[in-house]
């Protein structure tokens, strides 16, 4: 695995690998009949929203709000309004 040159965090795996594992785990929760699995997904949904904001601000600081907007498929102003603190 070739390291990402912009890679500055402590995660040593590729984002696509992490996403695949997360999807597998989320699918397991989604197909469960256990009510706690549903509650867990609700909590994770909130947490993912918070993580999107953190990621957007981190990317904007390292690159620009235009970069964030391009990835999100929105305008720079909309991205800033949604995720800037």
C-alpha atoms as a PDB file:
ATOM      1  CA  UNK A   1       0.000   0.000   0.000  1.00  0.00           C
ATOM      2  CA  UNK A   2       1.378   3.390  -1.024  1.00  0.00           C
ATOM      3  CA  UNK A   3       0.906   6.067   1.632  1.00  0.00           C
ATOM      4  CA  UNK A   4      -1.130   9.119   0.658  1.00  0.00           C
ATOM      5  CA  UNK A   5       1.256  12.125   0.483  1.00  0.00           C
ATOM      6  CA  UNK A   6      -1.376  14.278   2.206  1.00  0.00           C
ATOM      7  CA  UNK A   7      -1.837  11.655   4.917  1.00  0.00           C
ATOM      8  CA  UNK A   8      -1.215  13.321   8.282  1.00  0.00           C
ATOM      9  CA  UNK A   9      -3.405  11.402  10.710  1.00  0.00           C
ATOM     10  CA  UNK A  10      -2.710   8.220  12.636  1.00  0.00           C
ATOM     11  CA  UNK A  11      -4.919   5.955  10.514  1.00  0.00           C
ATOM     12  CA  UNK A  12      -2.608   3.612   8.632  1.00  0.00           C
ATOM     13  CA  UNK A  13      -5.205   2.100   6.279  1.00  0.00           C
ATOM     14  CA  UNK A  14      -6.649   3.564   3.115  1.00  0.00           C
ATOM     15  CA  UNK A  15      -9.978   5.396   3.500  1.00  0.00           C
ATOM     16  CA  UNK A  16     -11.635   3.040   0.997  1.00  0.00           C
ATOM     17  CA  UNK A  17     -10.607   0.022   3.098  1.00  0.00           C
ATOM     18  CA  UNK A  18     -11.972   1.620   6.251  1.00  0.00           C
ATOM     19  CA  UNK A  19     -15.213   2.504   4.433  1.00  0.00           C
ATOM     20  CA  UNK A  20     -15.658  -1.072   3.210  1.00  0.00           C
ATOM     21  CA  UNK A  21     -15.250  -2.407   6.739  1.00  0.00           C
ATOM     22  CA  UNK A  22     -17.632   0.223   8.131  1.00  0.00           C
ATOM     23  CA  UNK A  23     -20.251  -0.676   5.492  1.00  0.00           C
ATOM     24  CA  UNK A  24     -19.979  -4.356   6.434  1.00  0.00           C
ATOM     25  CA  UNK A  25     -20.512  -3.534  10.108  1.00  0.00           C
ATOM     26  CA  UNK A  26     -23.375  -1.130   9.347  1.00  0.00           C
ATOM     27  CA  UNK A  27     -25.050  -3.752   7.160  1.00  0.00           C
ATOM     28  CA  UNK A  28     -24.888  -6.178  10.081  1.00  0.00           C
ATOM     29  CA  UNK A  29     -26.605  -3.642  12.342  1.00  0.00           C
ATOM     30  CA  UNK A  30     -29.205  -2.807   9.683  1.00  0.00           C
ATOM     31  CA  UNK A  31     -30.195  -6.436   9.182  1.00  0.00           C
ATOM     32  CA  UNK A  32     -30.469  -7.150  12.903  1.00  0.00           C
ATOM     33  CA  UNK A  33     -33.828  -7.635  14.624  1.00  0.00           C
ATOM     34  CA  UNK A  34     -32.316  -6.414  17.909  1.00  0.00           C
ATOM     35  CA  UNK A  35     -33.774  -3.004  18.868  1.00  0.00           C
ATOM     36  CA  UNK A  36     -30.377  -2.015  20.267  1.00  0.00           C
ATOM     37  CA  UNK A  37     -28.961  -2.324  16.739  1.00  0.00           C
ATOM     38  CA  UNK A  38     -31.501   0.258  15.538  1.00  0.00           C
ATOM     39  CA  UNK A  39     -30.688   2.573  18.445  1.00  0.00           C
ATOM     40  CA  UNK A  40     -27.007   2.144  17.677  1.00  0.00           C
ATOM     41  CA  UNK A  41     -27.562   3.127  14.041  1.00  0.00           C
ATOM     42  CA  UNK A  42     -29.429   6.250  15.163  1.00  0.00           C
ATOM     43  CA  UNK A  43     -26.476   7.232  17.348  1.00  0.00           C
ATOM     44  CA  UNK A  44     -24.003   6.481  14.581  1.00  0.00           C
ATOM     45  CA  UNK A  45     -25.990   8.635  12.160  1.00  0.00           C
ATOM     46  CA  UNK A  46     -25.581  11.597  14.504  1.00  0.00           C
ATOM     47  CA  UNK A  47     -21.897  10.820  14.998  1.00  0.00           C
ATOM     48  CA  UNK A  48     -21.245  10.563  11.251  1.00  0.00           C
ATOM     49  CA  UNK A  49     -22.798  14.017  10.840  1.00  0.00           C
ATOM     50  CA  UNK A  50     -20.371  15.399  13.415  1.00  0.00           C
ATOM     51  CA  UNK A  51     -17.485  13.631  11.684  1.00  0.00           C
ATOM     52  CA  UNK A  52     -18.475  15.149   8.334  1.00  0.00           C
ATOM     53  CA  UNK A  53     -18.181  18.597   9.881  1.00  0.00           C
ATOM     54  CA  UNK A  54     -14.791  17.811  11.380  1.00  0.00           C
ATOM     55  CA  UNK A  55     -13.568  16.348   8.107  1.00  0.00           C
ATOM     56  CA  UNK A  56     -14.852  19.313   6.102  1.00  0.00           C
ATOM     57  CA  UNK A  57     -13.093  21.806   8.370  1.00  0.00           C
ATOM     58  CA  UNK A  58      -9.886  19.751   8.325  1.00  0.00           C
ATOM     59  CA  UNK A  59      -9.917  19.545   4.531  1.00  0.00           C
ATOM     60  CA  UNK A  60     -10.748  23.248   4.196  1.00  0.00           C
ATOM     61  CA  UNK A  61      -7.844  24.151   6.475  1.00  0.00           C
ATOM     62  CA  UNK A  62      -5.442  21.947   4.505  1.00  0.00           C
ATOM     63  CA  UNK A  63      -6.789  22.921   1.074  1.00  0.00           C
ATOM     64  CA  UNK A  64      -9.808  25.227   0.702  1.00  0.00           C
ATOM     65  CA  UNK A  65     -13.564  25.511   1.108  1.00  0.00           C
ATOM     66  CA  UNK A  66     -13.729  25.256  -2.691  1.00  0.00           C
ATOM     67  CA  UNK A  67     -12.194  21.763  -2.407  1.00  0.00           C
ATOM     68  CA  UNK A  68     -14.780  20.791   0.201  1.00  0.00           C
ATOM     69  CA  UNK A  69     -17.585  22.173  -1.965  1.00  0.00           C
ATOM     70  CA  UNK A  70     -16.356  20.294  -5.031  1.00  0.00           C
ATOM     71  CA  UNK A  71     -16.304  16.976  -3.188  1.00  0.00           C
ATOM     72  CA  UNK A  72     -19.706  17.641  -1.608  1.00  0.00           C
ATOM     73  CA  UNK A  73     -21.265  18.713  -4.895  1.00  0.00           C
ATOM     74  CA  UNK A  74     -22.316  22.101  -3.601  1.00  0.00           C
ATOM     75  CA  UNK A  75     -21.163  25.705  -3.653  1.00  0.00           C
ATOM     76  CA  UNK A  76     -18.312  27.046  -1.578  1.00  0.00           C
ATOM     77  CA  UNK A  77     -20.761  29.300   0.281  1.00  0.00           C
ATOM     78  CA  UNK A  78     -23.114  26.400   1.066  1.00  0.00           C
ATOM     79  CA  UNK A  79     -20.253  24.192   2.275  1.00  0.00           C
ATOM     80  CA  UNK A  80     -18.932  26.973   4.502  1.00  0.00           C
ATOM     81  CA  UNK A  81     -22.403  27.702   5.896  1.00  0.00           C
ATOM     82  CA  UNK A  82     -23.022  24.030   6.664  1.00  0.00           C
ATOM     83  CA  UNK A  83     -19.704  23.014   8.195  1.00  0.00           C
ATOM     84  CA  UNK A  84     -17.830  26.117   9.347  1.00  0.00           C
ATOM     85  CA  UNK A  85     -17.940  26.769  13.094  1.00  0.00           C
END
